Amino acid sequence: MQFWKMNGAGNDFIIINNMEERLPAETFPYIARTLCQRHVSIGADGLMVVEAPTEGGDYKMLFFNADGSVGEMCGNGARCICRYGYANALAGETQRVETTAGMVTGLRISQQLYRIRLNDPTTIDFDRSIEVNGVRYGCAYVELGNPGLPHAVVPYPGLKDADENQLRELGRAMRHHSAFPKGANVNFYEITGDDEIYERTFERGVEDFTYACGTGTGSLVTVLTLQGKVTGKGVRVNMTGGQLVIDIDRDGERITDLYLTGPTNIVAKGVVTDENLSLTD
C-alpha cells in the first residue's frame, strides 16, 4: 500500500490514493487507528483517503481521525491534499475537492504554500457559555459546512504561559460537554496584537492538542471578525506548528467567503510494511 506523509503547520496526515489501492471502505477506520499510532507505526493526526469524485469535483477526500472516527473535514488536511492532487496530476493549480462537509476549493500559491476556501459557517452562536468544575467559561460555537464541523471558541488569558496539563484536562472536559451534542474541537485563544492571535486546539478524534487546526482557526477568526475584534483580513494565527492566515469576505453579518492560507510539507513517500496491519482482522 503506497502512502504519503505530509504536514500543514505541524498538523500531520497519512494520504492513501484509493483509486489505485482499491481497499474496501469498511477498512478505513482500522487503517487509520493502526497507521496513526505514534511510536508503533507511521504516526499522524489523521488519515486521508483519495477517492473518485461523485459530485463534480476533481476528486473526493475522506478524512479519518487518529481514533478511526470520521471527520467531516480538515482544513490543514485539505491544503495538504491539494498539494498531493497537484503533484499527482489529479487537478491543476486551482482545484475542487469533495469532502463530507461539502465542496472545498484550493489554490496553489507556490510550491509549499496553499490556500483553500473553507466550508461556509452554517451555525454561529456567540454565547454558549459552559460550566466546568464549578467555573463558568464564556465561549462561542461555530459549525463549518453541512454536516457541520463543530468548534468551540474559548478566550483564555495568558494562554502562552498556561500549564499544559491543566489546559489539556480543561480541553478534554469541554470537548465532551453536554452543550456540544456532537462534541467539539476546543479552540483556546488570546489576542496578542493587531490582527494577531495565539491559539491552541484540543481536537476530538485525536483527543489531545494538535500543532494546528485549520477549521478551528477559521472558526475562531470568524467569531472575532463578527465581534469586531479583528479585521478579518490577513489575520495571523500562531500555533505550536507555525502560522496560518485567515481572510474573510462578508456581507454585513454574513460570511460569504472564508479562506485559509498556510504551508505544506511532504515528509515521506513510501510503502506501508506495518506487520501489525492486517486487513483480514
Protein backbone atom coordinates (compact mmCIF):
# COMPACT_ATOMS: atom_id res chain seq x y z
CA MET A 1 0.00 0.00 0.00
CA GLN A 2 1.56 3.29 -1.16
CA PHE A 3 1.36 6.31 1.13
CA TRP A 4 2.45 9.92 1.53
CA LYS A 5 3.13 11.54 4.89
CA MET A 6 2.50 15.30 4.93
CA ASN A 7 2.02 18.08 7.43
CA GLY A 8 0.48 21.53 7.30
CA ALA A 9 1.82 23.80 10.06
CA GLY A 10 2.60 20.67 12.08
CA ASN A 11 -0.84 19.10 11.63
CA ASP A 12 0.24 15.76 10.12
CA PHE A 13 -1.53 13.25 7.89
CA ILE A 14 -1.14 9.99 6.02
CA ILE A 15 -2.55 10.00 2.48
CA ILE A 16 -3.64 6.92 0.52
CA ASN A 17 -4.94 7.03 -3.04
CA ASN A 18 -7.75 4.50 -3.08
CA MET A 19 -8.37 4.96 -6.78
CA GLU A 20 -5.15 2.93 -7.07
CA GLU A 21 -5.23 0.80 -3.90
CA ARG A 22 -8.92 -0.21 -4.16
CA LEU A 23 -9.25 -1.02 -0.45
CA PRO A 24 -12.72 -1.80 0.97
CA ALA A 25 -14.27 1.30 2.54
CA GLU A 26 -15.04 -0.57 5.76
CA THR A 27 -11.29 -0.99 6.40
CA PHE A 28 -10.51 2.74 6.55
CA PRO A 29 -11.20 3.24 10.29
CA TYR A 30 -8.99 0.27 11.15
CA ILE A 31 -6.23 1.50 8.85
CA ALA A 32 -6.44 4.95 10.47
CA ARG A 33 -6.25 3.59 14.01
CA THR A 34 -3.28 1.39 13.10
CA LEU A 35 -1.17 3.73 10.99
CA CYS A 36 -1.81 6.90 13.02
CA GLN A 37 -0.39 5.42 16.22
CA ARG A 38 2.78 7.28 17.08
CA HIS A 39 5.87 5.31 18.13
CA VAL A 40 4.46 1.97 16.90
CA SER A 41 3.50 2.92 13.33
CA ILE A 42 3.88 5.88 10.95
CA GLY A 43 2.02 8.21 13.30
CA ALA A 44 -0.30 11.08 12.34
CA ASP A 45 -3.24 13.21 13.44
CA GLY A 46 -5.38 11.66 10.74
CA LEU A 47 -5.73 9.55 7.60
CA MET A 48 -6.91 11.00 4.28
CA VAL A 49 -8.21 8.73 1.54
CA VAL A 50 -8.44 9.94 -2.07
CA GLU A 51 -11.44 8.58 -3.95
CA ALA A 52 -13.03 9.21 -7.35
CA PRO A 53 -15.31 12.26 -7.48
CA THR A 54 -19.08 11.85 -7.44
CA GLU A 55 -20.28 15.47 -7.23
CA GLY A 56 -18.37 17.29 -9.96
CA GLY A 57 -15.10 17.81 -8.09
CA ASP A 58 -11.62 16.81 -9.19
CA TYR A 59 -11.54 14.05 -6.56
CA LYS A 60 -13.03 13.15 -3.20
CA MET A 61 -11.28 13.44 0.18
CA LEU A 62 -12.34 11.15 3.02
CA PHE A 63 -10.94 12.09 6.41
CA PHE A 64 -10.49 9.82 9.43
CA ASN A 65 -9.24 10.93 12.82
CA ALA A 66 -6.44 9.05 14.55
CA ASP A 67 -9.02 7.09 16.58
CA GLY A 68 -10.72 5.88 13.39
CA SER A 69 -13.73 8.17 13.66
CA VAL A 70 -14.94 10.00 10.57
CA GLY A 71 -14.13 13.70 10.33
CA GLU A 72 -16.41 15.98 8.32
CA MET A 73 -13.44 17.98 7.00
CA CYS A 74 -9.95 19.12 7.92
CA GLY A 75 -8.62 22.48 6.81
CA ASN A 76 -4.90 21.74 7.02
CA GLY A 77 -5.59 18.30 5.59
CA ALA A 78 -7.36 19.88 2.64
CA ARG A 79 -4.39 22.17 1.99
CA CYS A 80 -2.07 19.16 2.04
CA ILE A 81 -4.30 17.08 -0.19
CA CYS A 82 -4.48 19.93 -2.69
CA ARG A 83 -0.71 19.75 -2.98
CA TYR A 84 -0.98 15.97 -3.34
CA GLY A 85 -3.64 16.40 -6.04
CA TYR A 86 -1.50 18.87 -7.97
CA ALA A 87 1.67 16.75 -7.66
CA ASN A 88 -0.15 13.63 -8.85
CA ALA A 89 -1.96 15.34 -11.77
CA LEU A 90 -5.40 14.85 -10.20
CA ALA A 91 -6.06 18.57 -10.59
CA GLY A 92 -4.45 21.81 -11.69
CA GLU A 93 -3.35 24.84 -9.68
CA THR A 94 -7.00 25.54 -8.87
CA GLN A 95 -9.00 22.55 -7.75
CA ARG A 96 -12.30 21.39 -6.31
CA VAL A 97 -12.20 18.79 -3.57
CA GLU A 98 -15.30 16.91 -2.44
CA THR A 99 -15.49 16.47 1.35
CA THR A 100 -18.13 15.09 3.69
CA ALA A 101 -18.94 18.67 4.74
CA GLY A 102 -19.22 19.95 1.15
CA MET A 103 -17.06 21.19 -1.70
CA VAL A 104 -13.73 22.83 -0.87
CA THR A 105 -11.74 24.83 -3.44
CA GLY A 106 -7.95 25.03 -3.32
CA LEU A 107 -5.33 27.26 -4.89
CA ARG A 108 -1.60 26.62 -5.33
CA ILE A 109 0.27 29.82 -4.43
CA SER A 110 3.79 28.39 -4.51
CA GLN A 111 5.49 25.02 -4.14
CA GLN A 112 4.68 24.79 -0.45
CA LEU A 113 2.04 27.47 0.13
CA TYR A 114 -1.60 26.55 -0.48
CA ARG A 115 -4.86 28.41 0.08
CA ILE A 116 -8.28 26.86 0.46
CA ARG A 117 -11.78 28.23 0.74
CA LEU A 118 -13.17 26.63 3.86
CA ASN A 119 -16.76 25.41 4.11
CA ASP A 120 -19.25 28.15 4.94
CA PRO A 121 -20.20 28.73 8.59
CA THR A 122 -23.64 27.16 9.00
CA THR A 123 -24.03 27.79 12.73
CA ILE A 124 -22.66 30.71 14.76
CA ASP A 125 -23.63 31.11 18.42
CA PHE A 126 -21.74 33.86 20.22
CA ASP A 127 -22.91 32.90 23.71
CA ARG A 128 -22.71 29.23 24.59
CA SER A 129 -21.07 29.59 27.99
CA ILE A 130 -20.37 26.35 29.84
CA GLU A 131 -19.50 25.33 33.40
CA VAL A 132 -16.57 23.03 34.14
CA ASN A 133 -15.65 22.09 37.72
CA GLY A 134 -17.67 24.96 39.12
CA VAL A 135 -16.12 27.59 36.85
CA ARG A 136 -18.13 29.22 34.06
CA TYR A 137 -16.34 29.88 30.78
CA GLY A 138 -17.66 32.17 28.10
CA CYS A 139 -17.35 30.68 24.64
CA ALA A 140 -18.78 30.81 21.15
CA TYR A 141 -19.82 27.86 19.00
CA VAL A 142 -19.34 27.53 15.23
CA GLU A 143 -20.07 24.82 12.70
CA LEU A 144 -18.48 24.83 9.26
CA GLY A 145 -20.13 23.00 6.37
CA ASN A 146 -23.07 20.64 6.23
CA PRO A 147 -22.98 18.39 8.18
CA GLY A 148 -21.27 20.93 10.36
CA LEU A 149 -17.79 20.50 11.80
CA PRO A 150 -18.20 21.67 15.44
CA HIS A 151 -15.86 24.16 17.10
CA ALA A 152 -15.90 25.87 20.48
CA VAL A 153 -14.05 29.21 20.63
CA VAL A 154 -12.80 29.97 24.15
CA PRO A 155 -10.86 33.07 25.28
CA TYR A 156 -8.03 32.15 27.66
CA PRO A 157 -5.88 34.99 29.04
CA GLY A 158 -2.24 34.03 29.45
CA LEU A 159 -2.60 31.10 27.06
CA LYS A 160 1.07 31.09 26.04
CA ASP A 161 2.13 30.51 29.65
CA ALA A 162 -0.71 28.17 30.64
CA ASP A 163 0.05 24.89 32.37
CA GLU A 164 -0.11 22.24 29.63
CA ASN A 165 -1.65 19.51 31.79
CA GLN A 166 -4.32 21.75 33.31
CA LEU A 167 -5.23 23.11 29.89
CA ARG A 168 -5.43 19.58 28.49
CA GLU A 169 -7.86 18.48 31.21
CA LEU A 170 -10.00 21.55 30.61
CA GLY A 171 -9.97 20.91 26.87
CA ARG A 172 -10.99 17.31 27.39
CA ALA A 173 -13.89 18.31 29.66
CA MET A 174 -15.11 20.96 27.23
CA ARG A 175 -14.74 18.65 24.23
CA HIS A 176 -17.28 16.25 25.79
CA HIS A 177 -19.55 18.91 27.37
CA SER A 178 -23.30 18.44 27.01
CA ALA A 179 -23.54 21.93 25.48
CA PHE A 180 -22.00 20.42 22.36
CA PRO A 181 -24.22 17.50 21.27
CA LYS A 182 -21.74 16.38 18.58
CA GLY A 183 -18.75 17.02 20.77
CA ALA A 184 -16.48 19.89 19.76
CA ASN A 185 -12.96 20.83 18.85
CA VAL A 186 -11.96 23.30 21.55
CA ASN A 187 -10.04 26.35 20.36
CA PHE A 188 -8.43 28.34 23.18
CA TYR A 189 -7.12 31.75 22.16
CA GLU A 190 -5.69 35.07 23.23
CA ILE A 191 -5.32 38.17 21.08
CA THR A 192 -1.63 39.12 21.05
CA GLY A 193 -1.61 42.11 18.69
CA ASP A 194 -3.44 43.83 15.84
CA ASP A 195 -4.88 41.02 13.72
CA GLU A 196 -2.62 38.54 15.53
CA ILE A 197 -3.81 35.68 17.72
CA TYR A 198 -2.28 32.80 19.63
CA GLU A 199 -4.31 29.56 19.55
CA ARG A 200 -4.24 26.04 21.00
CA THR A 201 -6.76 23.45 19.76
CA PHE A 202 -7.85 20.31 21.61
CA GLU A 203 -9.18 18.11 18.80
CA ARG A 204 -11.87 15.48 19.02
CA GLY A 205 -10.77 12.21 17.43
CA VAL A 206 -7.16 12.96 18.33
CA GLU A 207 -8.18 13.62 21.97
CA ASP A 208 -5.24 15.90 22.58
CA PHE A 209 -3.76 19.16 21.39
CA THR A 210 -2.62 19.22 17.79
CA TYR A 211 0.08 21.50 16.42
CA ALA A 212 -2.50 23.35 14.31
CA CYS A 213 -6.16 23.18 13.26
CA GLY A 214 -7.26 24.87 10.04
CA THR A 215 -11.03 24.71 10.53
CA GLY A 216 -10.57 25.75 14.16
CA THR A 217 -8.55 28.75 13.07
CA GLY A 218 -11.22 29.69 10.53
CA SER A 219 -13.96 29.34 13.15
CA LEU A 220 -12.00 31.42 15.65
CA VAL A 221 -11.37 34.27 13.22
CA THR A 222 -15.00 34.15 12.07
CA VAL A 223 -16.15 34.85 15.62
CA LEU A 224 -13.60 37.57 16.31
CA THR A 225 -14.28 39.29 12.97
CA LEU A 226 -18.03 39.43 13.57
CA GLN A 227 -17.36 40.71 17.11
CA GLY A 228 -15.14 43.48 15.70
CA LYS A 229 -12.00 42.27 17.49
CA VAL A 230 -10.03 41.63 14.27
CA THR A 231 -10.43 42.98 10.75
CA GLY A 232 -10.85 39.62 9.02
CA LYS A 233 -8.13 40.49 6.51
CA GLY A 234 -4.73 38.84 6.76
CA VAL A 235 -5.36 37.72 10.32
CA ARG A 236 -2.28 35.86 11.56
CA VAL A 237 -2.90 32.94 13.89
CA ASN A 238 0.13 31.44 15.62
CA MET A 239 0.11 27.88 16.96
CA THR A 240 2.65 25.32 18.09
CA GLY A 241 3.23 24.23 14.48
CA GLY A 242 3.58 27.66 12.92
CA GLN A 243 1.37 30.37 11.48
CA LEU A 244 -1.84 30.25 9.45
CA VAL A 245 -3.52 33.24 7.80
CA ILE A 246 -7.27 33.79 7.54
CA ASP A 247 -9.04 36.16 5.12
CA ILE A 248 -12.78 36.75 5.29
CA ASP A 249 -15.22 38.31 2.85
CA ARG A 250 -18.53 39.34 4.37
CA ASP A 251 -21.85 40.90 3.52
CA GLY A 252 -22.86 42.65 6.74
CA GLU A 253 -23.14 39.95 9.39
CA ARG A 254 -22.97 37.14 6.84
CA ILE A 255 -19.66 35.47 5.99
CA THR A 256 -19.55 34.94 2.22
CA ASP A 257 -16.02 33.51 1.87
CA LEU A 258 -13.60 32.09 4.44
CA TYR A 259 -10.02 31.48 3.26
CA LEU A 260 -7.19 29.60 4.97
CA THR A 261 -3.58 30.00 3.80
CA GLY A 262 -0.54 28.19 5.11
CA PRO A 263 2.46 25.97 4.45
CA THR A 264 2.55 22.31 3.44
CA ASN A 265 5.41 19.84 3.72
CA ILE A 266 5.92 16.44 2.09
CA VAL A 267 7.60 14.44 4.86
CA ALA A 268 7.83 10.99 3.28
CA LYS A 269 6.61 8.77 0.45
CA GLY A 270 6.74 5.02 0.61
CA VAL A 271 5.15 1.62 1.04
CA VAL A 272 3.36 0.58 4.21
CA THR A 273 5.03 -2.55 5.60
CA ASP A 274 3.45 -2.38 9.08
CA GLU A 275 3.24 -6.03 10.17
CA ASN A 276 0.50 -5.18 12.69
CA LEU A 277 -1.79 -4.05 9.86
CA SER A 278 -3.89 -6.98 8.78
CA LEU A 279 -6.92 -6.11 6.71
CA THR A 280 -8.35 -9.54 7.36
CA ASP A 281 -8.78 -8.90 11.10
